Amino acid sequence: MNRAGIPIEEYVCSGHSACPGCGALLVLRYVLKVLGKNTIVTSPACCFTAIAGMFPDTCMEVPLLYNAFETTAASASGIEAALKIKGKKDNTHVVAFAGDGGTADIGLQAISGALEDGHNIIYVCYDNEAYMNTGIQSSSLTPMGATTTTNPIGKEAGWKITPKKNMMDILVAHNIKYAATVNPSYPIDFVKKVEKAKATKGFSYIHAYSVCPTGWRYQPELGLEMGRLATETGAFPLYEVENGKYNITYKKKTKNVLEYYKLQGRFRHLSEDFINDVQAYIDQEWQKLILKEECSKK
């Protein structure tokens, strides 16, 4: 451990092919620091399958299994069941690691089934807010106002006008034991939440903010600043839900979303009025989150 309480061991090593400033690699790096070497990762078609290396080479120091796009949670469930049969489940952590498309869109049914069956796995969604590996197409987690190759700027707008799907609320509706949002720009908060997921018996969910300089069109060295702005503006709030109780872990929502949006090329076409609408939506969702926290603690 270093003085901040973050493990110093590394299980994601050199030899990867990530873009400069890739958030997905940092997300998995922090997850594995907590879970350690006795971990098996399964991942669908996504950025990470290109990042980790071509078989038989990999940048991982733990076993990695690739699965079909829609089957990440099902694959993790099968691994967990096999370990249980072999009597090894108590010593090995199973991690499903997928992007926003493979989680909120294509993989949602498998997640629901794994939760229903009570499989003891940790599902990590690295949310880079589009299908980045296949050409930057919109997903249901692409934010309001963003332009993508399937939501291009046109004569009559064209960019994404609907808000992100609320995956946390969807999983809370399944009576999940532990779910949390994390952001690599806040590593101590990140590590604490993964530790809670590690200690949870049953399905747990980590929704991770994952910057993408390529798809979001900003300079890679701004990644950590981008993450801080996402949380400080409320665009990506940090909270956890433990046995139905909400807990906001970063409450300093102090900045306007314009400060976050103006650094990214995917938002540069937006009018002041549209950004004001986005701000109003974020403020509304923030107040809802505060109310959920208050009500769940009564």
C-alpha atoms as a PDB file:
ATOM      1  CA  MET A   1       0.000   0.000   0.000  1.00  0.00           C
ATOM      2  CA  ASN A   2       1.101   3.578  -0.568  1.00  0.00           C
ATOM      3  CA  ARG A   3       0.351   6.324   1.939  1.00  0.00           C
ATOM      4  CA  ALA A   4      -3.053   6.966   0.353  1.00  0.00           C
ATOM      5  CA  GLY A   5      -4.044   3.335   0.985  1.00  0.00           C
ATOM      6  CA  ILE A   6      -3.871   2.293  -2.670  1.00  0.00           C
ATOM      7  CA  PRO A   7      -2.174  -1.063  -3.409  1.00  0.00           C
ATOM      8  CA  ILE A   8       1.115  -0.701  -5.272  1.00  0.00           C
ATOM      9  CA  GLU A   9       0.904  -4.038  -7.107  1.00  0.00           C
ATOM     10  CA  GLU A  10       0.246  -3.872 -10.848  1.00  0.00           C
ATOM     11  CA  TYR A  11      -1.653  -6.488 -12.878  1.00  0.00           C
ATOM     12  CA  VAL A  12      -1.992  -4.466 -16.086  1.00  0.00           C
ATOM     13  CA  CYS A  13       1.451  -4.217 -17.652  1.00  0.00           C
ATOM     14  CA  SER A  14       3.207  -2.827 -20.703  1.00  0.00           C
ATOM     15  CA  GLY A  15       2.500  -4.143 -24.174  1.00  0.00           C
ATOM     16  CA  HIS A  16      -1.082  -2.911 -24.484  1.00  0.00           C
ATOM     17  CA  SER A  17      -2.346  -1.028 -27.530  1.00  0.00           C
ATOM     18  CA  ALA A  18      -4.553   1.577 -25.864  1.00  0.00           C
ATOM     19  CA  CYS A  19      -4.829   5.079 -27.281  1.00  0.00           C
ATOM     20  CA  PRO A  20      -2.904   7.731 -25.312  1.00  0.00           C
ATOM     21  CA  GLY A  21      -4.968   8.761 -22.292  1.00  0.00           C
ATOM     22  CA  CYS A  22      -7.383   5.809 -22.501  1.00  0.00           C
ATOM     23  CA  GLY A  23      -9.637   5.633 -19.451  1.00  0.00           C
ATOM     24  CA  ALA A  24     -10.577   1.954 -19.783  1.00  0.00           C
ATOM     25  CA  LEU A  25      -7.064   0.775 -19.026  1.00  0.00           C
ATOM     26  CA  LEU A  26      -6.870   2.964 -15.917  1.00  0.00           C
ATOM     27  CA  VAL A  27     -10.243   1.672 -14.702  1.00  0.00           C
ATOM     28  CA  LEU A  28      -9.148  -1.971 -14.934  1.00  0.00           C
ATOM     29  CA  ARG A  29      -5.775  -1.134 -13.401  1.00  0.00           C
ATOM     30  CA  TYR A  30      -7.459   0.196 -10.242  1.00  0.00           C
ATOM     31  CA  VAL A  31      -9.943  -2.690 -10.105  1.00  0.00           C
ATOM     32  CA  LEU A  32      -7.177  -5.305 -10.236  1.00  0.00           C
ATOM     33  CA  LYS A  33      -5.071  -3.464  -7.654  1.00  0.00           C
ATOM     34  CA  VAL A  34      -7.857  -4.181  -5.173  1.00  0.00           C
ATOM     35  CA  LEU A  35      -8.826  -7.690  -6.302  1.00  0.00           C
ATOM     36  CA  GLY A  36      -5.297  -9.003  -6.784  1.00  0.00           C
ATOM     37  CA  LYS A  37      -3.817 -11.855  -8.759  1.00  0.00           C
ATOM     38  CA  ASN A  38      -6.540 -14.413  -7.998  1.00  0.00           C
ATOM     39  CA  THR A  39      -8.918 -12.814 -10.470  1.00  0.00           C
ATOM     40  CA  ILE A  40     -10.401 -13.942 -13.771  1.00  0.00           C
ATOM     41  CA  VAL A  41     -11.592 -11.257 -16.213  1.00  0.00           C
ATOM     42  CA  THR A  42     -14.086 -11.833 -19.015  1.00  0.00           C
ATOM     43  CA  SER A  43     -14.696  -9.147 -21.623  1.00  0.00           C
ATOM     44  CA  PRO A  44     -16.812  -8.780 -24.797  1.00  0.00           C
ATOM     45  CA  ALA A  45     -16.046  -7.226 -28.155  1.00  0.00           C
ATOM     46  CA  CYS A  46     -15.087  -3.696 -27.137  1.00  0.00           C
ATOM     47  CA  CYS A  47     -12.111  -1.348 -26.959  1.00  0.00           C
ATOM     48  CA  PHE A  48     -10.495  -3.521 -24.328  1.00  0.00           C
ATOM     49  CA  THR A  49     -10.313  -6.611 -26.526  1.00  0.00           C
ATOM     50  CA  ALA A  50      -8.119  -4.585 -28.867  1.00  0.00           C
ATOM     51  CA  ILE A  51      -6.166  -3.047 -25.982  1.00  0.00           C
ATOM     52  CA  ALA A  52      -5.162  -6.214 -24.110  1.00  0.00           C
ATOM     53  CA  GLY A  53      -3.289  -7.790 -27.009  1.00  0.00           C
ATOM     54  CA  MET A  54      -3.775 -10.421 -29.688  1.00  0.00           C
ATOM     55  CA  PHE A  55      -3.867 -14.077 -28.560  1.00  0.00           C
ATOM     56  CA  PRO A  56      -1.690 -15.589 -27.165  1.00  0.00           C
ATOM     57  CA  ASP A  57      -0.116 -12.331 -25.944  1.00  0.00           C
ATOM     58  CA  THR A  58      -1.699 -10.053 -23.358  1.00  0.00           C
ATOM     59  CA  CYS A  59      -0.797  -7.113 -21.137  1.00  0.00           C
ATOM     60  CA  MET A  60      -2.649  -8.805 -18.263  1.00  0.00           C
ATOM     61  CA  GLU A  61      -1.132 -10.574 -15.282  1.00  0.00           C
ATOM     62  CA  VAL A  62      -4.419 -12.403 -14.646  1.00  0.00           C
ATOM     63  CA  PRO A  63      -6.449 -14.810 -16.832  1.00  0.00           C
ATOM     64  CA  LEU A  64      -8.542 -13.100 -19.517  1.00  0.00           C
ATOM     65  CA  LEU A  65     -11.413 -14.650 -21.465  1.00  0.00           C
ATOM     66  CA  TYR A  66     -13.069 -13.009 -24.466  1.00  0.00           C
ATOM     67  CA  ASN A  67     -16.796 -13.530 -24.979  1.00  0.00           C
ATOM     68  CA  ALA A  68     -19.541 -12.550 -27.422  1.00  0.00           C
ATOM     69  CA  PHE A  69     -20.793  -8.959 -27.303  1.00  0.00           C
ATOM     70  CA  GLU A  70     -24.065  -9.717 -25.520  1.00  0.00           C
ATOM     71  CA  THR A  71     -22.829 -12.395 -23.100  1.00  0.00           C
ATOM     72  CA  THR A  72     -20.422 -10.774 -20.642  1.00  0.00           C
ATOM     73  CA  ALA A  73     -22.523 -11.362 -17.529  1.00  0.00           C
ATOM     74  CA  ALA A  74     -23.468 -14.856 -18.762  1.00  0.00           C
ATOM     75  CA  SER A  75     -19.805 -15.671 -19.364  1.00  0.00           C
ATOM     76  CA  ALA A  76     -18.878 -14.449 -15.870  1.00  0.00           C
ATOM     77  CA  SER A  77     -21.749 -16.488 -14.415  1.00  0.00           C
ATOM     78  CA  GLY A  78     -20.428 -19.622 -16.119  1.00  0.00           C
ATOM     79  CA  ILE A  79     -16.909 -19.030 -14.820  1.00  0.00           C
ATOM     80  CA  GLU A  80     -18.239 -18.502 -11.304  1.00  0.00           C
ATOM     81  CA  ALA A  81     -20.316 -21.697 -11.492  1.00  0.00           C
ATOM     82  CA  ALA A  82     -17.316 -23.699 -12.753  1.00  0.00           C
ATOM     83  CA  LEU A  83     -15.109 -22.389  -9.938  1.00  0.00           C
ATOM     84  CA  LYS A  84     -17.779 -23.335  -7.431  1.00  0.00           C
ATOM     85  CA  ILE A  85     -17.917 -26.892  -8.795  1.00  0.00           C
ATOM     86  CA  LYS A  86     -14.118 -27.125  -8.561  1.00  0.00           C
ATOM     87  CA  GLY A  87     -14.174 -25.788  -4.995  1.00  0.00           C
ATOM     88  CA  LYS A  88     -12.125 -22.693  -5.889  1.00  0.00           C
ATOM     89  CA  LYS A  89     -14.761 -19.946  -5.686  1.00  0.00           C
ATOM     90  CA  ASP A  90     -13.749 -18.564  -2.286  1.00  0.00           C
ATOM     91  CA  ASN A  91     -10.235 -17.845  -3.513  1.00  0.00           C
ATOM     92  CA  THR A  92     -10.956 -16.346  -6.938  1.00  0.00           C
ATOM     93  CA  HIS A  93     -12.753 -13.177  -8.010  1.00  0.00           C
ATOM     94  CA  VAL A  94     -14.689 -13.123 -11.281  1.00  0.00           C
ATOM     95  CA  VAL A  95     -14.858  -9.771 -13.080  1.00  0.00           C
ATOM     96  CA  ALA A  96     -17.086  -8.963 -16.040  1.00  0.00           C
ATOM     97  CA  PHE A  97     -15.457  -5.984 -17.774  1.00  0.00           C
ATOM     98  CA  ALA A  98     -17.443  -4.307 -20.563  1.00  0.00           C
ATOM     99  CA  GLY A  99     -18.048  -0.943 -22.181  1.00  0.00           C
ATOM    100  CA  ASP A 100     -21.261   1.042 -22.164  1.00  0.00           C
ATOM    101  CA  GLY A 101     -22.588  -0.538 -25.368  1.00  0.00           C
ATOM    102  CA  GLY A 102     -21.942  -4.072 -24.151  1.00  0.00           C
ATOM    103  CA  THR A 103     -23.528  -3.199 -20.802  1.00  0.00           C
ATOM    104  CA  ALA A 104     -26.451  -0.804 -21.188  1.00  0.00           C
ATOM    105  CA  ASP A 105     -27.475  -1.936 -24.674  1.00  0.00           C
ATOM    106  CA  ILE A 106     -26.362  -5.330 -25.960  1.00  0.00           C
ATOM    107  CA  GLY A 107     -25.574  -7.002 -22.618  1.00  0.00           C
ATOM    108  CA  LEU A 108     -28.464  -5.778 -20.459  1.00  0.00           C
ATOM    109  CA  GLN A 109     -30.482  -8.999 -20.616  1.00  0.00           C
ATOM    110  CA  ALA A 110     -27.514 -11.116 -19.461  1.00  0.00           C
ATOM    111  CA  ILE A 111     -26.903  -8.712 -16.564  1.00  0.00           C
ATOM    112  CA  SER A 112     -30.527  -8.996 -15.467  1.00  0.00           C
ATOM    113  CA  GLY A 113     -30.316 -12.797 -15.610  1.00  0.00           C
ATOM    114  CA  ALA A 114     -27.072 -12.930 -13.610  1.00  0.00           C
ATOM    115  CA  LEU A 115     -28.623 -10.719 -10.947  1.00  0.00           C
ATOM    116  CA  GLU A 116     -31.771 -12.828 -10.846  1.00  0.00           C
ATOM    117  CA  ASP A 117     -29.691 -15.973 -10.309  1.00  0.00           C
ATOM    118  CA  GLY A 118     -27.540 -14.375  -7.614  1.00  0.00           C
ATOM    119  CA  HIS A 119     -24.158 -15.103  -9.184  1.00  0.00           C
ATOM    120  CA  ASN A 120     -21.187 -13.963  -7.111  1.00  0.00           C
ATOM    121  CA  ILE A 121     -19.455 -11.724  -9.662  1.00  0.00           C
ATOM    122  CA  ILE A 122     -18.295  -8.125  -9.979  1.00  0.00           C
ATOM    123  CA  TYR A 123     -19.556  -6.420 -13.101  1.00  0.00           C
ATOM    124  CA  VAL A 124     -17.537  -3.355 -14.170  1.00  0.00           C
ATOM    125  CA  CYS A 125     -18.860  -1.067 -16.891  1.00  0.00           C
ATOM    126  CA  TYR A 126     -16.205   1.295 -18.226  1.00  0.00           C
ATOM    127  CA  ASP A 127     -18.424   4.039 -19.590  1.00  0.00           C
ATOM    128  CA  ASN A 128     -16.739   5.926 -22.434  1.00  0.00           C
ATOM    129  CA  GLU A 129     -20.164   6.993 -23.671  1.00  0.00           C
ATOM    130  CA  ALA A 130     -20.213   5.499 -27.194  1.00  0.00           C
ATOM    131  CA  TYR A 131     -19.201   2.471 -29.268  1.00  0.00           C
ATOM    132  CA  MET A 132     -15.634   3.711 -29.580  1.00  0.00           C
ATOM    133  CA  ASN A 133     -14.000   0.546 -30.950  1.00  0.00           C
ATOM    134  CA  THR A 134     -16.201   0.391 -34.047  1.00  0.00           C
ATOM    135  CA  GLY A 135     -16.236   4.038 -35.114  1.00  0.00           C
ATOM    136  CA  ILE A 136     -17.752   6.204 -32.345  1.00  0.00           C
ATOM    137  CA  GLN A 137     -21.443   5.335 -32.726  1.00  0.00           C
ATOM    138  CA  SER A 138     -23.989   6.487 -30.139  1.00  0.00           C
ATOM    139  CA  SER A 139     -25.006   4.199 -27.283  1.00  0.00           C
ATOM    140  CA  SER A 140     -27.768   4.653 -24.725  1.00  0.00           C
ATOM    141  CA  LEU A 141     -25.060   6.098 -22.442  1.00  0.00           C
ATOM    142  CA  THR A 142     -23.985   8.807 -24.890  1.00  0.00           C
ATOM    143  CA  PRO A 143     -24.734  12.130 -23.140  1.00  0.00           C
ATOM    144  CA  MET A 144     -27.086  14.878 -24.276  1.00  0.00           C
ATOM    145  CA  GLY A 145     -25.624  17.100 -26.949  1.00  0.00           C
ATOM    146  CA  ALA A 146     -22.806  14.788 -28.065  1.00  0.00           C
ATOM    147  CA  THR A 147     -22.192  14.253 -31.755  1.00  0.00           C
ATOM    148  CA  THR A 148     -21.164  10.797 -32.993  1.00  0.00           C
ATOM    149  CA  THR A 149     -20.960   9.087 -36.370  1.00  0.00           C
ATOM    150  CA  THR A 150     -24.584   7.966 -35.952  1.00  0.00           C
ATOM    151  CA  ASN A 151     -25.639  11.336 -34.514  1.00  0.00           C
ATOM    152  CA  PRO A 152     -23.781  13.711 -36.832  1.00  0.00           C
ATOM    153  CA  ILE A 153     -24.279  17.463 -37.010  1.00  0.00           C
ATOM    154  CA  GLY A 154     -26.760  18.316 -39.759  1.00  0.00           C
ATOM    155  CA  LYS A 155     -29.018  21.086 -40.972  1.00  0.00           C
ATOM    156  CA  GLU A 156     -31.552  20.146 -38.303  1.00  0.00           C
ATOM    157  CA  ALA A 157     -29.303  19.360 -35.346  1.00  0.00           C
ATOM    158  CA  GLY A 158     -28.717  15.587 -35.410  1.00  0.00           C
ATOM    159  CA  TRP A 159     -26.720  15.269 -32.226  1.00  0.00           C
ATOM    160  CA  LYS A 160     -27.907  13.208 -29.241  1.00  0.00           C
ATOM    161  CA  ILE A 161     -30.873  14.925 -27.593  1.00  0.00           C
ATOM    162  CA  THR A 162     -31.860  12.278 -25.027  1.00  0.00           C
ATOM    163  CA  PRO A 163     -30.153  11.809 -21.633  1.00  0.00           C
ATOM    164  CA  LYS A 164     -28.056   8.829 -20.603  1.00  0.00           C
ATOM    165  CA  LYS A 165     -29.805   5.659 -19.498  1.00  0.00           C
ATOM    166  CA  ASN A 166     -29.652   5.381 -15.699  1.00  0.00           C
ATOM    167  CA  MET A 167     -27.972   2.005 -15.238  1.00  0.00           C
ATOM    168  CA  MET A 168     -27.675   2.459 -11.497  1.00  0.00           C
ATOM    169  CA  ASP A 169     -31.443   2.812 -11.088  1.00  0.00           C
ATOM    170  CA  ILE A 170     -32.035  -0.206 -13.338  1.00  0.00           C
ATOM    171  CA  LEU A 171     -29.788  -2.383 -11.181  1.00  0.00           C
ATOM    172  CA  VAL A 172     -31.141  -1.003  -7.903  1.00  0.00           C
ATOM    173  CA  ALA A 173     -34.586  -2.084  -9.141  1.00  0.00           C
ATOM    174  CA  HIS A 174     -33.171  -5.644  -9.169  1.00  0.00           C
ATOM    175  CA  ASN A 175     -32.497  -5.370  -5.409  1.00  0.00           C
ATOM    176  CA  ILE A 176     -28.749  -5.502  -5.986  1.00  0.00           C
ATOM    177  CA  LYS A 177     -26.665  -5.701  -2.809  1.00  0.00           C
ATOM    178  CA  TYR A 178     -23.990  -3.238  -3.912  1.00  0.00           C
ATOM    179  CA  ALA A 179     -23.676  -0.807  -6.817  1.00  0.00           C
ATOM    180  CA  ALA A 180     -21.441   2.239  -7.146  1.00  0.00           C
ATOM    181  CA  THR A 181     -20.174   4.862  -9.556  1.00  0.00           C
ATOM    182  CA  VAL A 182     -16.411   5.456  -9.647  1.00  0.00           C
ATOM    183  CA  ASN A 183     -14.060   7.883 -11.355  1.00  0.00           C
ATOM    184  CA  PRO A 184     -10.276   7.381 -11.767  1.00  0.00           C
ATOM    185  CA  SER A 185      -9.809  11.080 -11.001  1.00  0.00           C
ATOM    186  CA  TYR A 186     -10.823  10.160  -7.422  1.00  0.00           C
ATOM    187  CA  PRO A 187      -8.675   7.050  -6.820  1.00  0.00           C
ATOM    188  CA  ILE A 188      -9.206   6.698  -3.059  1.00  0.00           C
ATOM    189  CA  ASP A 189     -12.990   6.739  -3.485  1.00  0.00           C
ATOM    190  CA  PHE A 190     -12.572   4.292  -6.390  1.00  0.00           C
ATOM    191  CA  VAL A 191     -10.518   1.809  -4.364  1.00  0.00           C
ATOM    192  CA  LYS A 192     -12.851   1.927  -1.347  1.00  0.00           C
ATOM    193  CA  LYS A 193     -15.845   1.077  -3.511  1.00  0.00           C
ATOM    194  CA  VAL A 194     -14.131  -1.832  -5.238  1.00  0.00           C
ATOM    195  CA  GLU A 195     -13.178  -3.126  -1.789  1.00  0.00           C
ATOM    196  CA  LYS A 196     -16.873  -3.082  -0.852  1.00  0.00           C
ATOM    197  CA  ALA A 197     -17.756  -4.916  -4.064  1.00  0.00           C
ATOM    198  CA  LYS A 198     -15.039  -7.456  -3.260  1.00  0.00           C
ATOM    199  CA  ALA A 199     -16.579  -8.107   0.156  1.00  0.00           C
ATOM    200  CA  THR A 200     -20.120  -8.441  -1.224  1.00  0.00           C
ATOM    201  CA  LYS A 201     -21.582 -11.930  -1.549  1.00  0.00           C
ATOM    202  CA  GLY A 202     -23.570 -11.989  -4.774  1.00  0.00           C
ATOM    203  CA  PHE A 203     -23.688  -9.735  -7.821  1.00  0.00           C
ATOM    204  CA  SER A 204     -22.115  -6.275  -7.434  1.00  0.00           C
ATOM    205  CA  TYR A 205     -21.864  -3.519 -10.017  1.00  0.00           C
ATOM    206  CA  ILE A 206     -19.268  -0.799 -10.607  1.00  0.00           C
ATOM    207  CA  HIS A 207     -20.090   1.937 -13.121  1.00  0.00           C
ATOM    208  CA  ALA A 208     -16.823   3.625 -14.041  1.00  0.00           C
ATOM    209  CA  TYR A 209     -16.282   6.961 -15.756  1.00  0.00           C
ATOM    210  CA  SER A 210     -13.879   6.262 -18.612  1.00  0.00           C
ATOM    211  CA  VAL A 211     -12.429   9.130 -20.643  1.00  0.00           C
ATOM    212  CA  CYS A 212     -11.867   8.697 -24.388  1.00  0.00           C
ATOM    213  CA  PRO A 213      -9.692  11.411 -25.989  1.00  0.00           C
ATOM    214  CA  THR A 214     -10.280   9.927 -29.452  1.00  0.00           C
ATOM    215  CA  GLY A 215     -14.075   9.875 -29.311  1.00  0.00           C
ATOM    216  CA  TRP A 216     -14.555  12.950 -27.143  1.00  0.00           C
ATOM    217  CA  ARG A 217     -11.984  14.977 -29.108  1.00  0.00           C
ATOM    218  CA  TYR A 218      -9.751  16.555 -26.483  1.00  0.00           C
ATOM    219  CA  GLN A 219      -6.035  16.439 -25.648  1.00  0.00           C
ATOM    220  CA  PRO A 220      -5.082  13.189 -23.825  1.00  0.00           C
ATOM    221  CA  GLU A 221      -3.172  14.956 -21.037  1.00  0.00           C
ATOM    222  CA  LEU A 222      -6.449  16.529 -19.839  1.00  0.00           C
ATOM    223  CA  GLY A 223      -7.968  13.193 -18.800  1.00  0.00           C
ATOM    224  CA  LEU A 224      -7.785  13.562 -15.019  1.00  0.00           C
ATOM    225  CA  GLU A 225      -8.981  17.167 -15.211  1.00  0.00           C
ATOM    226  CA  MET A 226     -11.859  16.000 -17.399  1.00  0.00           C
ATOM    227  CA  GLY A 227     -12.816  13.438 -14.769  1.00  0.00           C
ATOM    228  CA  ARG A 228     -12.785  15.975 -11.976  1.00  0.00           C
ATOM    229  CA  LEU A 229     -14.973  18.342 -13.998  1.00  0.00           C
ATOM    230  CA  ALA A 230     -17.443  15.549 -14.782  1.00  0.00           C
ATOM    231  CA  THR A 231     -18.031  15.007 -11.069  1.00  0.00           C
ATOM    232  CA  GLU A 232     -17.780  18.640  -9.947  1.00  0.00           C
ATOM    233  CA  THR A 233     -20.469  19.612 -12.466  1.00  0.00           C
ATOM    234  CA  GLY A 234     -22.727  16.678 -11.590  1.00  0.00           C
ATOM    235  CA  ALA A 235     -22.473  15.192 -15.088  1.00  0.00           C
ATOM    236  CA  PHE A 236     -21.052  12.048 -13.457  1.00  0.00           C
ATOM    237  CA  PRO A 237     -21.980  11.992  -9.743  1.00  0.00           C
ATOM    238  CA  LEU A 238     -20.151   9.702  -7.334  1.00  0.00           C
ATOM    239  CA  TYR A 239     -22.391   7.604  -5.109  1.00  0.00           C
ATOM    240  CA  GLU A 240     -23.092   4.068  -3.950  1.00  0.00           C
ATOM    241  CA  VAL A 241     -26.172   2.026  -3.165  1.00  0.00           C
ATOM    242  CA  GLU A 242     -25.672  -0.577  -0.458  1.00  0.00           C
ATOM    243  CA  ASN A 243     -28.647  -2.805   0.347  1.00  0.00           C
ATOM    244  CA  GLY A 244     -30.976  -0.116  -0.972  1.00  0.00           C
ATOM    245  CA  LYS A 245     -29.369   2.775   0.900  1.00  0.00           C
ATOM    246  CA  TYR A 246     -27.953   5.634  -1.189  1.00  0.00           C
ATOM    247  CA  ASN A 247     -24.769   7.401  -0.175  1.00  0.00           C
ATOM    248  CA  ILE A 248     -23.350  10.323  -2.182  1.00  0.00           C
ATOM    249  CA  THR A 249     -19.577  10.141  -1.763  1.00  0.00           C
ATOM    250  CA  TYR A 250     -18.728  13.475  -3.421  1.00  0.00           C
ATOM    251  CA  LYS A 251     -21.146  16.293  -2.634  1.00  0.00           C
ATOM    252  CA  LYS A 252     -19.245  19.321  -3.949  1.00  0.00           C
ATOM    253  CA  LYS A 253     -21.283  19.973  -7.085  1.00  0.00           C
ATOM    254  CA  THR A 254     -19.938  23.471  -7.635  1.00  0.00           C
ATOM    255  CA  LYS A 255     -19.358  24.018 -11.355  1.00  0.00           C
ATOM    256  CA  ASN A 256     -21.438  24.655 -14.466  1.00  0.00           C
ATOM    257  CA  VAL A 257     -21.564  21.938 -17.109  1.00  0.00           C
ATOM    258  CA  LEU A 258     -20.300  24.482 -19.657  1.00  0.00           C
ATOM    259  CA  GLU A 259     -16.820  24.186 -18.093  1.00  0.00           C
ATOM    260  CA  TYR A 260     -16.891  20.465 -18.830  1.00  0.00           C
ATOM    261  CA  TYR A 261     -18.479  20.624 -22.272  1.00  0.00           C
ATOM    262  CA  LYS A 262     -16.276  23.378 -23.697  1.00  0.00           C
ATOM    263  CA  LEU A 263     -13.123  21.203 -23.474  1.00  0.00           C
ATOM    264  CA  GLN A 264     -14.555  18.506 -25.769  1.00  0.00           C
ATOM    265  CA  GLY A 265     -14.948  18.660 -29.535  1.00  0.00           C
ATOM    266  CA  ARG A 266     -18.055  16.469 -29.452  1.00  0.00           C
ATOM    267  CA  PHE A 267     -19.976  19.354 -27.812  1.00  0.00           C
ATOM    268  CA  ARG A 268     -18.566  22.385 -29.677  1.00  0.00           C
ATOM    269  CA  HIS A 269     -21.602  22.734 -31.951  1.00  0.00           C
ATOM    270  CA  LEU A 270     -24.019  23.340 -29.067  1.00  0.00           C
ATOM    271  CA  SER A 271     -25.854  26.603 -28.504  1.00  0.00           C
ATOM    272  CA  GLU A 272     -25.983  28.382 -25.157  1.00  0.00           C
ATOM    273  CA  ASP A 273     -29.690  27.528 -24.888  1.00  0.00           C
ATOM    274  CA  PHE A 274     -29.054  23.804 -25.355  1.00  0.00           C
ATOM    275  CA  ILE A 275     -26.285  23.796 -22.740  1.00  0.00           C
ATOM    276  CA  ASN A 276     -28.650  25.581 -20.361  1.00  0.00           C
ATOM    277  CA  ASP A 277     -31.150  22.775 -20.946  1.00  0.00           C
ATOM    278  CA  VAL A 278     -28.442  20.223 -20.141  1.00  0.00           C
ATOM    279  CA  GLN A 279     -27.602  22.144 -16.965  1.00  0.00           C
ATOM    280  CA  ALA A 280     -31.262  22.143 -15.935  1.00  0.00           C
ATOM    281  CA  TYR A 281     -31.456  18.375 -16.458  1.00  0.00           C
ATOM    282  CA  ILE A 282     -28.270  17.755 -14.439  1.00  0.00           C
ATOM    283  CA  ASP A 283     -29.559  19.965 -11.603  1.00  0.00           C
ATOM    284  CA  GLN A 284     -32.858  18.087 -11.601  1.00  0.00           C
ATOM    285  CA  GLU A 285     -31.143  14.680 -11.470  1.00  0.00           C
ATOM    286  CA  TRP A 286     -28.822  15.897  -8.688  1.00  0.00           C
ATOM    287  CA  GLN A 287     -31.799  16.914  -6.565  1.00  0.00           C
ATOM    288  CA  LYS A 288     -33.409  13.524  -7.207  1.00  0.00           C
ATOM    289  CA  LEU A 289     -30.207  11.812  -6.049  1.00  0.00           C
ATOM    290  CA  ILE A 290     -30.125  13.884  -2.854  1.00  0.00           C
ATOM    291  CA  LEU A 291     -33.758  12.969  -2.199  1.00  0.00           C
ATOM    292  CA  LYS A 292     -33.020   9.261  -2.738  1.00  0.00           C
ATOM    293  CA  GLU A 293     -30.195   9.491  -0.216  1.00  0.00           C
ATOM    294  CA  GLU A 294     -32.393  11.231   2.349  1.00  0.00           C
ATOM    295  CA  CYS A 295     -35.329   8.861   1.905  1.00  0.00           C
ATOM    296  CA  SER A 296     -33.235   5.685   2.001  1.00  0.00           C
ATOM    297  CA  LYS A 297     -31.679   6.651   5.341  1.00  0.00           C
ATOM    298  CA  LYS A 298     -34.947   7.265   7.167  1.00  0.00           C
END
